[in-house]
N, C-alpha and C. Protein backbone atom coordinates (compact mmCIF):
# COMPACT_ATOMS: atom_id res chain seq x y z
N MET A 1 9.80 65.48 42.70
CA MET A 1 9.52 66.06 43.98
C MET A 1 8.27 66.95 43.91
N PHE A 2 8.13 67.71 42.88
CA PHE A 2 7.00 68.62 42.77
C PHE A 2 5.65 67.88 42.72
N PRO A 3 5.47 66.81 41.86
CA PRO A 3 4.19 66.09 41.87
C PRO A 3 3.89 65.45 43.22
N ALA A 4 4.91 64.98 43.92
CA ALA A 4 4.68 64.38 45.23
C ALA A 4 4.17 65.43 46.20
N MET A 5 4.67 66.67 46.10
CA MET A 5 4.23 67.74 46.99
C MET A 5 2.76 68.07 46.72
N ILE A 6 2.35 68.11 45.44
CA ILE A 6 0.96 68.40 45.10
C ILE A 6 0.06 67.30 45.62
N SER A 7 0.48 66.06 45.44
CA SER A 7 -0.30 64.93 45.93
C SER A 7 -0.48 65.01 47.44
N THR A 8 0.57 65.34 48.16
CA THR A 8 0.49 65.44 49.61
C THR A 8 -0.40 66.60 50.02
N MET A 9 -0.28 67.73 49.33
CA MET A 9 -1.09 68.88 49.67
C MET A 9 -2.56 68.62 49.38
N THR A 10 -2.88 67.97 48.25
CA THR A 10 -4.26 67.68 47.90
C THR A 10 -4.86 66.72 48.91
N HIS A 11 -4.12 65.69 49.25
CA HIS A 11 -4.61 64.71 50.21
C HIS A 11 -4.83 65.35 51.58
N THR A 12 -3.91 66.18 52.00
CA THR A 12 -4.02 66.85 53.29
C THR A 12 -5.19 67.84 53.28
N THR A 13 -5.36 68.58 52.18
CA THR A 13 -6.45 69.54 52.07
C THR A 13 -7.79 68.81 52.09
N MET A 14 -7.89 67.68 51.37
CA MET A 14 -9.13 66.93 51.31
C MET A 14 -9.46 66.37 52.69
N GLU A 15 -8.46 65.88 53.40
CA GLU A 15 -8.69 65.32 54.72
C GLU A 15 -9.17 66.39 55.69
N SER A 16 -8.64 67.60 55.58
CA SER A 16 -9.02 68.63 56.53
C SER A 16 -10.41 69.19 56.26
N THR A 17 -10.90 69.11 54.99
CA THR A 17 -12.22 69.65 54.69
C THR A 17 -13.34 68.66 54.98
N LEU A 18 -13.03 67.37 55.03
CA LEU A 18 -14.06 66.38 55.30
C LEU A 18 -14.21 66.16 56.79
N PRO A 19 -15.45 65.96 57.25
CA PRO A 19 -15.63 65.63 58.66
C PRO A 19 -15.06 64.26 58.96
N SER A 20 -14.65 64.06 60.15
CA SER A 20 -14.04 62.77 60.51
C SER A 20 -15.13 61.72 60.67
N GLY A 21 -14.73 60.48 60.58
CA GLY A 21 -15.67 59.38 60.80
C GLY A 21 -15.96 58.61 59.55
N TRP A 22 -17.13 57.98 59.56
CA TRP A 22 -17.47 57.05 58.49
C TRP A 22 -17.67 57.76 57.15
N LEU A 23 -18.16 59.00 57.15
CA LEU A 23 -18.36 59.71 55.89
C LEU A 23 -17.04 59.95 55.18
N LYS A 24 -16.05 60.31 55.95
CA LYS A 24 -14.72 60.55 55.39
C LYS A 24 -14.15 59.25 54.81
N ARG A 25 -14.27 58.17 55.55
CA ARG A 25 -13.75 56.87 55.07
C ARG A 25 -14.50 56.42 53.83
N SER A 26 -15.82 56.63 53.80
CA SER A 26 -16.62 56.23 52.63
C SER A 26 -16.21 57.01 51.39
N PHE A 27 -16.01 58.32 51.55
CA PHE A 27 -15.63 59.15 50.42
C PHE A 27 -14.27 58.73 49.88
N ILE A 28 -13.33 58.50 50.77
CA ILE A 28 -11.99 58.09 50.34
C ILE A 28 -12.05 56.73 49.67
N ALA A 29 -12.87 55.82 50.20
CA ALA A 29 -12.99 54.48 49.60
C ALA A 29 -13.62 54.56 48.22
N LEU A 30 -14.64 55.40 48.05
CA LEU A 30 -15.29 55.52 46.75
C LEU A 30 -14.38 56.16 45.71
N THR A 31 -13.61 57.14 46.11
CA THR A 31 -12.72 57.78 45.15
C THR A 31 -11.51 56.92 44.83
N ALA A 32 -11.22 55.93 45.67
CA ALA A 32 -10.08 55.06 45.42
C ALA A 32 -10.38 54.06 44.31
N TYR A 33 -11.67 53.73 44.10
CA TYR A 33 -12.04 52.76 43.08
C TYR A 33 -12.08 53.41 41.71
N ASP A 34 -11.77 52.62 40.72
CA ASP A 34 -11.90 53.06 39.35
C ASP A 34 -13.38 52.98 38.98
N MET A 35 -13.95 54.04 38.44
CA MET A 35 -15.38 54.06 38.15
C MET A 35 -15.77 53.04 37.09
N THR A 36 -14.86 52.70 36.20
CA THR A 36 -15.14 51.67 35.21
C THR A 36 -15.35 50.33 35.90
N ARG A 37 -14.52 50.05 36.87
CA ARG A 37 -14.65 48.80 37.64
C ARG A 37 -15.97 48.77 38.41
N VAL A 38 -16.34 49.91 39.00
CA VAL A 38 -17.62 49.99 39.72
C VAL A 38 -18.78 49.72 38.76
N TRP A 39 -18.69 50.29 37.56
CA TRP A 39 -19.73 50.09 36.54
C TRP A 39 -19.82 48.62 36.16
N GLU A 40 -18.68 47.97 35.95
CA GLU A 40 -18.68 46.55 35.57
C GLU A 40 -19.28 45.68 36.67
N VAL A 41 -18.90 45.93 37.90
CA VAL A 41 -19.43 45.14 39.01
C VAL A 41 -20.94 45.37 39.16
N GLY A 42 -21.38 46.61 39.04
CA GLY A 42 -22.81 46.90 39.12
C GLY A 42 -23.60 46.24 38.01
N THR A 43 -23.05 46.29 36.80
CA THR A 43 -23.72 45.64 35.67
C THR A 43 -23.80 44.14 35.87
N ARG A 44 -22.73 43.55 36.35
CA ARG A 44 -22.74 42.10 36.59
C ARG A 44 -23.75 41.72 37.68
N CYS A 45 -23.88 42.53 38.71
CA CYS A 45 -24.86 42.25 39.76
C CYS A 45 -26.28 42.31 39.21
N ILE A 46 -26.56 43.34 38.43
CA ILE A 46 -27.90 43.49 37.84
C ILE A 46 -28.18 42.36 36.86
N LEU A 47 -27.20 42.00 36.04
CA LEU A 47 -27.40 40.90 35.10
C LEU A 47 -27.56 39.56 35.82
N SER A 48 -26.92 39.41 36.97
CA SER A 48 -27.12 38.19 37.76
C SER A 48 -28.56 38.10 38.25
N LEU A 49 -29.10 39.24 38.68
CA LEU A 49 -30.51 39.26 39.09
C LEU A 49 -31.43 38.97 37.90
N LEU A 50 -31.10 39.53 36.73
CA LEU A 50 -31.88 39.27 35.54
C LEU A 50 -31.83 37.79 35.17
N THR A 51 -30.66 37.19 35.25
CA THR A 51 -30.52 35.77 34.94
C THR A 51 -31.34 34.93 35.91
N LEU A 52 -31.30 35.28 37.18
CA LEU A 52 -32.10 34.56 38.18
C LEU A 52 -33.59 34.70 37.87
N THR A 53 -34.01 35.90 37.49
CA THR A 53 -35.42 36.12 37.14
C THR A 53 -35.83 35.29 35.93
N ILE A 54 -34.97 35.24 34.92
CA ILE A 54 -35.27 34.44 33.72
C ILE A 54 -35.36 32.96 34.08
N LEU A 55 -34.45 32.47 34.92
CA LEU A 55 -34.49 31.07 35.33
C LEU A 55 -35.75 30.73 36.11
N ILE A 56 -36.16 31.64 37.00
CA ILE A 56 -37.40 31.41 37.75
C ILE A 56 -38.60 31.40 36.80
N GLY A 57 -38.61 32.35 35.85
CA GLY A 57 -39.68 32.37 34.86
C GLY A 57 -39.69 31.12 34.00
N LEU A 58 -38.51 30.64 33.64
CA LEU A 58 -38.41 29.41 32.85
C LEU A 58 -38.96 28.22 33.63
N ALA A 59 -38.59 28.14 34.91
CA ALA A 59 -39.11 27.04 35.74
C ALA A 59 -40.63 27.14 35.88
N GLY A 60 -41.14 28.35 36.06
CA GLY A 60 -42.59 28.53 36.13
C GLY A 60 -43.28 28.15 34.83
N GLY A 61 -42.65 28.46 33.70
CA GLY A 61 -43.22 28.09 32.41
C GLY A 61 -43.25 26.59 32.20
N VAL A 62 -42.21 25.91 32.66
CA VAL A 62 -42.18 24.44 32.54
C VAL A 62 -43.29 23.84 33.41
N ILE A 63 -43.47 24.37 34.61
CA ILE A 63 -44.54 23.87 35.48
C ILE A 63 -45.91 24.11 34.84
N LYS A 64 -46.10 25.30 34.25
CA LYS A 64 -47.38 25.60 33.58
C LYS A 64 -47.61 24.66 32.40
N THR A 65 -46.56 24.34 31.67
CA THR A 65 -46.70 23.42 30.54
C THR A 65 -47.11 22.03 31.03
N PHE A 66 -46.50 21.59 32.13
CA PHE A 66 -46.90 20.30 32.68
C PHE A 66 -48.35 20.33 33.17
N ILE A 67 -48.77 21.43 33.76
CA ILE A 67 -50.16 21.55 34.21
C ILE A 67 -51.10 21.54 33.01
N ASP A 68 -50.68 22.14 31.90
CA ASP A 68 -51.51 22.15 30.69
C ASP A 68 -51.67 20.77 30.07
N LEU A 69 -50.84 19.82 30.47
CA LEU A 69 -51.01 18.45 29.97
C LEU A 69 -52.35 17.86 30.39
N ARG A 70 -52.94 18.38 31.46
CA ARG A 70 -54.25 17.89 31.89
C ARG A 70 -55.33 18.20 30.85
N LEU A 71 -55.06 19.18 29.98
CA LEU A 71 -56.01 19.50 28.92
C LEU A 71 -56.20 18.33 27.96
N LEU A 72 -55.22 17.45 27.88
CA LEU A 72 -55.36 16.27 27.02
C LEU A 72 -56.51 15.38 27.47
N LEU A 73 -56.78 15.40 28.76
CA LEU A 73 -57.86 14.56 29.30
C LEU A 73 -59.20 15.28 29.31
N SER A 74 -59.20 16.59 29.46
CA SER A 74 -60.46 17.31 29.63
C SER A 74 -60.94 18.05 28.38
N ALA A 75 -60.05 18.45 27.51
CA ALA A 75 -60.44 19.23 26.33
C ALA A 75 -60.16 18.43 25.06
N ASP A 76 -60.50 19.05 23.95
CA ASP A 76 -60.22 18.44 22.65
C ASP A 76 -58.70 18.30 22.49
N VAL A 77 -58.27 17.20 21.91
CA VAL A 77 -56.84 16.92 21.75
C VAL A 77 -56.16 18.02 20.94
N GLU A 78 -56.82 18.51 19.91
CA GLU A 78 -56.23 19.55 19.06
C GLU A 78 -56.00 20.83 19.86
N VAL A 79 -56.95 21.22 20.68
CA VAL A 79 -56.82 22.43 21.50
C VAL A 79 -55.70 22.24 22.53
N ALA A 80 -55.65 21.08 23.14
CA ALA A 80 -54.62 20.82 24.15
C ALA A 80 -53.23 20.84 23.54
N LEU A 81 -53.07 20.21 22.39
CA LEU A 81 -51.76 20.18 21.74
C LEU A 81 -51.34 21.57 21.26
N ARG A 82 -52.29 22.37 20.81
CA ARG A 82 -51.97 23.75 20.42
C ARG A 82 -51.41 24.52 21.62
N GLN A 83 -52.09 24.39 22.76
CA GLN A 83 -51.66 25.12 23.96
C GLN A 83 -50.28 24.66 24.40
N ILE A 84 -50.05 23.35 24.39
CA ILE A 84 -48.75 22.82 24.80
C ILE A 84 -47.66 23.26 23.83
N LEU A 85 -47.96 23.26 22.53
CA LEU A 85 -46.98 23.69 21.54
C LEU A 85 -46.63 25.17 21.70
N VAL A 86 -47.61 26.01 21.91
CA VAL A 86 -47.35 27.45 22.10
C VAL A 86 -46.56 27.67 23.39
N ASP A 87 -46.92 26.93 24.46
CA ASP A 87 -46.17 27.05 25.71
C ASP A 87 -44.71 26.65 25.51
N THR A 88 -44.48 25.57 24.79
CA THR A 88 -43.13 25.08 24.55
C THR A 88 -42.32 26.07 23.71
N LEU A 89 -42.93 26.62 22.67
CA LEU A 89 -42.23 27.60 21.84
C LEU A 89 -41.92 28.87 22.62
N THR A 90 -42.81 29.27 23.51
CA THR A 90 -42.54 30.43 24.34
C THR A 90 -41.36 30.16 25.27
N LEU A 91 -41.28 28.95 25.81
CA LEU A 91 -40.14 28.58 26.66
C LEU A 91 -38.84 28.60 25.86
N LEU A 92 -38.89 28.18 24.61
CA LEU A 92 -37.68 28.24 23.77
C LEU A 92 -37.26 29.69 23.53
N ALA A 93 -38.23 30.57 23.39
CA ALA A 93 -37.89 32.00 23.24
C ALA A 93 -37.23 32.52 24.51
N VAL A 94 -37.71 32.09 25.68
CA VAL A 94 -37.10 32.51 26.94
C VAL A 94 -35.68 31.95 27.05
N VAL A 95 -35.46 30.72 26.57
CA VAL A 95 -34.12 30.13 26.57
C VAL A 95 -33.18 30.96 25.70
N GLU A 96 -33.66 31.45 24.56
CA GLU A 96 -32.83 32.30 23.71
C GLU A 96 -32.48 33.62 24.39
N VAL A 97 -33.43 34.19 25.14
CA VAL A 97 -33.14 35.41 25.89
C VAL A 97 -32.09 35.12 26.97
N LEU A 98 -32.22 33.98 27.63
CA LEU A 98 -31.23 33.58 28.63
C LEU A 98 -29.85 33.39 28.00
N LYS A 99 -29.82 32.79 26.83
CA LYS A 99 -28.56 32.59 26.11
C LYS A 99 -27.90 33.93 25.78
N THR A 100 -28.70 34.89 25.35
CA THR A 100 -28.17 36.21 25.03
C THR A 100 -27.64 36.91 26.28
N THR A 101 -28.37 36.78 27.39
CA THR A 101 -27.93 37.39 28.65
C THR A 101 -26.63 36.77 29.13
N LEU A 102 -26.52 35.46 29.06
CA LEU A 102 -25.30 34.78 29.49
C LEU A 102 -24.13 35.12 28.58
N ALA A 103 -24.40 35.30 27.29
CA ALA A 103 -23.33 35.70 26.37
C ALA A 103 -22.81 37.09 26.73
N TYR A 104 -23.70 37.98 27.12
CA TYR A 104 -23.26 39.31 27.54
C TYR A 104 -22.44 39.23 28.83
N CYS A 105 -22.87 38.37 29.75
CA CYS A 105 -22.13 38.23 31.01
C CYS A 105 -20.73 37.68 30.77
N SER A 106 -20.58 36.75 29.86
CA SER A 106 -19.27 36.13 29.65
C SER A 106 -18.37 36.96 28.73
N ASP A 107 -18.93 37.59 27.70
CA ASP A 107 -18.12 38.31 26.72
C ASP A 107 -18.08 39.81 26.96
N GLY A 108 -19.04 40.34 27.68
CA GLY A 108 -19.13 41.78 27.88
C GLY A 108 -19.78 42.49 26.71
N ARG A 109 -20.26 41.74 25.75
CA ARG A 109 -20.97 42.30 24.60
C ARG A 109 -21.92 41.24 24.07
N VAL A 110 -22.83 41.64 23.24
CA VAL A 110 -23.79 40.70 22.66
C VAL A 110 -23.58 40.69 21.16
N ARG A 111 -23.48 39.51 20.62
CA ARG A 111 -23.35 39.39 19.16
C ARG A 111 -24.69 39.69 18.50
N VAL A 112 -24.62 40.29 17.35
CA VAL A 112 -25.84 40.61 16.60
C VAL A 112 -26.60 39.33 16.25
N THR A 113 -25.86 38.27 15.96
CA THR A 113 -26.52 37.01 15.61
C THR A 113 -27.35 36.47 16.77
N PHE A 114 -26.89 36.65 18.02
CA PHE A 114 -27.67 36.19 19.17
C PHE A 114 -28.97 36.96 19.27
N ILE A 115 -28.90 38.26 19.06
CA ILE A 115 -30.12 39.08 19.14
C ILE A 115 -31.09 38.69 18.03
N ILE A 116 -30.57 38.53 16.83
CA ILE A 116 -31.44 38.16 15.70
C ILE A 116 -32.04 36.78 15.93
N ASP A 117 -31.24 35.83 16.45
CA ASP A 117 -31.78 34.50 16.74
C ASP A 117 -32.91 34.57 17.76
N THR A 118 -32.72 35.39 18.78
CA THR A 118 -33.75 35.54 19.81
C THR A 118 -35.03 36.10 19.21
N VAL A 119 -34.90 37.16 18.43
CA VAL A 119 -36.08 37.76 17.82
C VAL A 119 -36.73 36.80 16.82
N LEU A 120 -35.93 36.05 16.08
CA LEU A 120 -36.50 35.06 15.15
C LEU A 120 -37.33 34.02 15.88
N VAL A 121 -36.81 33.52 17.00
CA VAL A 121 -37.57 32.51 17.75
C VAL A 121 -38.87 33.11 18.29
N VAL A 122 -38.80 34.33 18.81
CA VAL A 122 -40.01 34.98 19.32
C VAL A 122 -41.01 35.21 18.19
N MET A 123 -40.53 35.68 17.05
CA MET A 123 -41.43 35.94 15.93
C MET A 123 -42.04 34.65 15.38
N LEU A 124 -41.25 33.59 15.29
CA LEU A 124 -41.79 32.32 14.83
C LEU A 124 -42.84 31.79 15.80
N THR A 125 -42.61 31.99 17.08
CA THR A 125 -43.62 31.62 18.08
C THR A 125 -44.90 32.40 17.86
N GLU A 126 -44.77 33.68 17.57
CA GLU A 126 -45.94 34.52 17.31
C GLU A 126 -46.67 34.06 16.04
N VAL A 127 -45.93 33.72 14.99
CA VAL A 127 -46.56 33.26 13.75
C VAL A 127 -47.34 31.97 14.00
N ILE A 128 -46.74 31.05 14.73
CA ILE A 128 -47.41 29.78 14.98
C ILE A 128 -48.64 29.98 15.86
N SER A 129 -48.54 30.85 16.87
CA SER A 129 -49.72 31.08 17.72
C SER A 129 -50.82 31.78 16.93
N ARG A 130 -50.47 32.70 16.02
CA ARG A 130 -51.48 33.35 15.17
C ARG A 130 -52.10 32.34 14.19
N TRP A 131 -51.28 31.42 13.74
CA TRP A 131 -51.75 30.40 12.82
C TRP A 131 -52.82 29.54 13.50
N PHE A 132 -52.57 29.18 14.74
CA PHE A 132 -53.52 28.35 15.46
C PHE A 132 -54.79 29.10 15.84
N THR A 133 -54.70 30.40 16.02
CA THR A 133 -55.89 31.18 16.36
C THR A 133 -56.57 31.76 15.12
N SER A 134 -56.18 31.28 13.96
CA SER A 134 -56.76 31.72 12.69
C SER A 134 -56.67 33.23 12.53
N GLY A 135 -55.44 33.70 12.54
CA GLY A 135 -55.19 35.13 12.41
C GLY A 135 -55.53 35.66 11.03
N ASP A 136 -55.61 36.97 10.92
CA ASP A 136 -55.93 37.66 9.69
C ASP A 136 -54.76 37.55 8.71
N TRP A 137 -55.00 37.56 7.41
CA TRP A 137 -53.93 37.41 6.42
C TRP A 137 -52.97 38.60 6.46
N GLN A 138 -53.47 39.79 6.86
CA GLN A 138 -52.58 40.95 6.95
C GLN A 138 -51.54 40.74 8.06
N GLN A 139 -51.95 40.10 9.14
CA GLN A 139 -51.01 39.82 10.22
C GLN A 139 -49.92 38.85 9.74
N PHE A 140 -50.32 37.84 8.99
CA PHE A 140 -49.34 36.89 8.46
C PHE A 140 -48.39 37.57 7.48
N THR A 141 -48.92 38.49 6.67
CA THR A 141 -48.07 39.20 5.72
C THR A 141 -47.04 40.06 6.44
N ILE A 142 -47.48 40.77 7.47
CA ILE A 142 -46.56 41.61 8.24
C ILE A 142 -45.51 40.76 8.96
N LEU A 143 -45.97 39.72 9.62
CA LEU A 143 -45.03 38.83 10.33
C LEU A 143 -44.07 38.15 9.36
N GLY A 144 -44.57 37.76 8.18
CA GLY A 144 -43.71 37.14 7.17
C GLY A 144 -42.65 38.11 6.67
N GLY A 145 -43.03 39.37 6.49
CA GLY A 145 -42.06 40.39 6.07
C GLY A 145 -40.99 40.61 7.13
N ILE A 146 -41.41 40.64 8.38
CA ILE A 146 -40.44 40.80 9.47
C ILE A 146 -39.50 39.60 9.52
N LEU A 147 -40.06 38.40 9.39
CA LEU A 147 -39.22 37.19 9.41
C LEU A 147 -38.24 37.17 8.24
N LEU A 148 -38.69 37.57 7.07
CA LEU A 148 -37.80 37.62 5.90
C LEU A 148 -36.68 38.63 6.12
N THR A 149 -37.02 39.79 6.66
CA THR A 149 -36.01 40.81 6.95
C THR A 149 -35.00 40.31 7.98
N LEU A 150 -35.50 39.67 9.03
CA LEU A 150 -34.60 39.13 10.05
C LEU A 150 -33.70 38.02 9.49
N GLY A 151 -34.26 37.20 8.60
CA GLY A 151 -33.45 36.15 7.97
C GLY A 151 -32.32 36.74 7.14
N VAL A 152 -32.63 37.79 6.38
CA VAL A 152 -31.59 38.45 5.58
C VAL A 152 -30.55 39.09 6.49
N MET A 153 -31.01 39.72 7.58
CA MET A 153 -30.07 40.33 8.53
C MET A 153 -29.17 39.28 9.16
N ARG A 154 -29.72 38.13 9.44
CA ARG A 154 -28.93 37.04 10.04
C ARG A 154 -27.84 36.58 9.08
N ILE A 155 -28.19 36.43 7.84
CA ILE A 155 -27.22 35.99 6.83
C ILE A 155 -26.13 37.05 6.66
N VAL A 156 -26.53 38.32 6.59
CA VAL A 156 -25.55 39.40 6.43
C VAL A 156 -24.64 39.49 7.66
N ALA A 157 -25.22 39.32 8.85
CA ALA A 157 -24.42 39.40 10.09
C ALA A 157 -23.38 38.29 10.15
N VAL A 158 -23.72 37.11 9.67
CA VAL A 158 -22.76 36.00 9.67
C VAL A 158 -21.75 36.18 8.55
N ARG A 159 -22.23 36.58 7.41
CA ARG A 159 -21.36 36.71 6.23
C ARG A 159 -20.32 37.81 6.38
N TYR A 160 -20.73 38.96 6.94
CA TYR A 160 -19.85 40.11 7.05
C TYR A 160 -19.48 40.42 8.50
N SER A 161 -19.31 39.39 9.29
CA SER A 161 -18.93 39.56 10.68
C SER A 161 -17.53 40.16 10.78
N PRO A 162 -17.30 41.09 11.71
CA PRO A 162 -15.97 41.68 11.85
C PRO A 162 -14.96 40.71 12.45
N ALA A 163 -15.42 39.70 13.14
CA ALA A 163 -14.51 38.73 13.76
C ALA A 163 -14.07 37.71 12.71
N PRO A 164 -12.78 37.39 12.67
CA PRO A 164 -12.33 36.38 11.71
C PRO A 164 -12.86 35.00 12.12
N THR A 165 -13.43 34.32 11.15
CA THR A 165 -13.97 32.99 11.41
C THR A 165 -13.43 32.00 10.41
N THR A 166 -13.42 30.75 10.81
CA THR A 166 -13.01 29.68 9.91
C THR A 166 -14.22 29.19 9.13
N VAL A 167 -13.99 28.37 8.14
CA VAL A 167 -15.07 27.82 7.33
C VAL A 167 -15.97 26.95 8.20
N LYS A 168 -15.37 26.21 9.13
CA LYS A 168 -16.15 25.35 10.02
C LYS A 168 -17.06 26.19 10.92
N GLN A 169 -16.57 27.33 11.45
CA GLN A 169 -17.38 28.20 12.29
C GLN A 169 -18.52 28.82 11.49
N GLN A 170 -18.26 29.21 10.24
CA GLN A 170 -19.32 29.77 9.41
C GLN A 170 -20.39 28.74 9.12
N ALA A 171 -19.99 27.50 8.84
CA ALA A 171 -20.97 26.46 8.59
C ALA A 171 -21.81 26.20 9.84
N HIS A 172 -21.18 26.24 11.01
CA HIS A 172 -21.90 26.03 12.26
C HIS A 172 -22.87 27.17 12.52
N GLN A 173 -22.47 28.43 12.26
CA GLN A 173 -23.34 29.57 12.46
C GLN A 173 -24.54 29.55 11.52
N LEU A 174 -24.34 29.03 10.32
CA LEU A 174 -25.44 28.95 9.37
C LEU A 174 -26.33 27.75 9.64
N GLY A 175 -25.96 26.91 10.60
CA GLY A 175 -26.76 25.74 10.92
C GLY A 175 -26.49 24.57 10.00
N LEU A 176 -25.32 24.54 9.38
CA LEU A 176 -25.02 23.48 8.42
C LEU A 176 -24.16 22.37 9.01
N SER A 177 -23.80 22.46 10.27
CA SER A 177 -22.93 21.44 10.86
C SER A 177 -23.77 20.30 11.43
N PHE A 178 -23.22 19.15 11.35
CA PHE A 178 -23.86 17.95 11.88
C PHE A 178 -22.93 17.30 12.89
N PRO A 179 -23.52 16.72 13.95
CA PRO A 179 -22.65 16.11 14.96
C PRO A 179 -21.90 14.90 14.46
């Protein structure tokens, strides 16, 4: 009986201090929701916009790659193929970012392996583009060190994952599975 009386008094006191109308209804509606739920819904809305942005960017990149095919007719074949290859690798990096975003939307968290895979694809794209532009050896050394570090991190993340995995899942994560 006592908690019910406090609840009634609090509700009555709150109603009397708020002005009537839409402001009062809005305040009561906002306080009725669990803030964790509001956070989850807001995050999902923002991530949906991010996913849409990534998809539009991916479509634009595919269109640009098709437009760059005209370079095969007007420029040197080697230059045209370099541009198409770099465009394609950049699109693959965007696909990895999309994969990471979708994994967060479905699981509510991002696996370390997804992040490392995304960064590896981006870094490999950077190495290949530097290779084609005849980059400095110091740049290759730095990029190689980063790639080696990321490779070790990827192996450690799969090997010492907190989630229990089967031998088949570990082989698939290491890229050893065949269809």
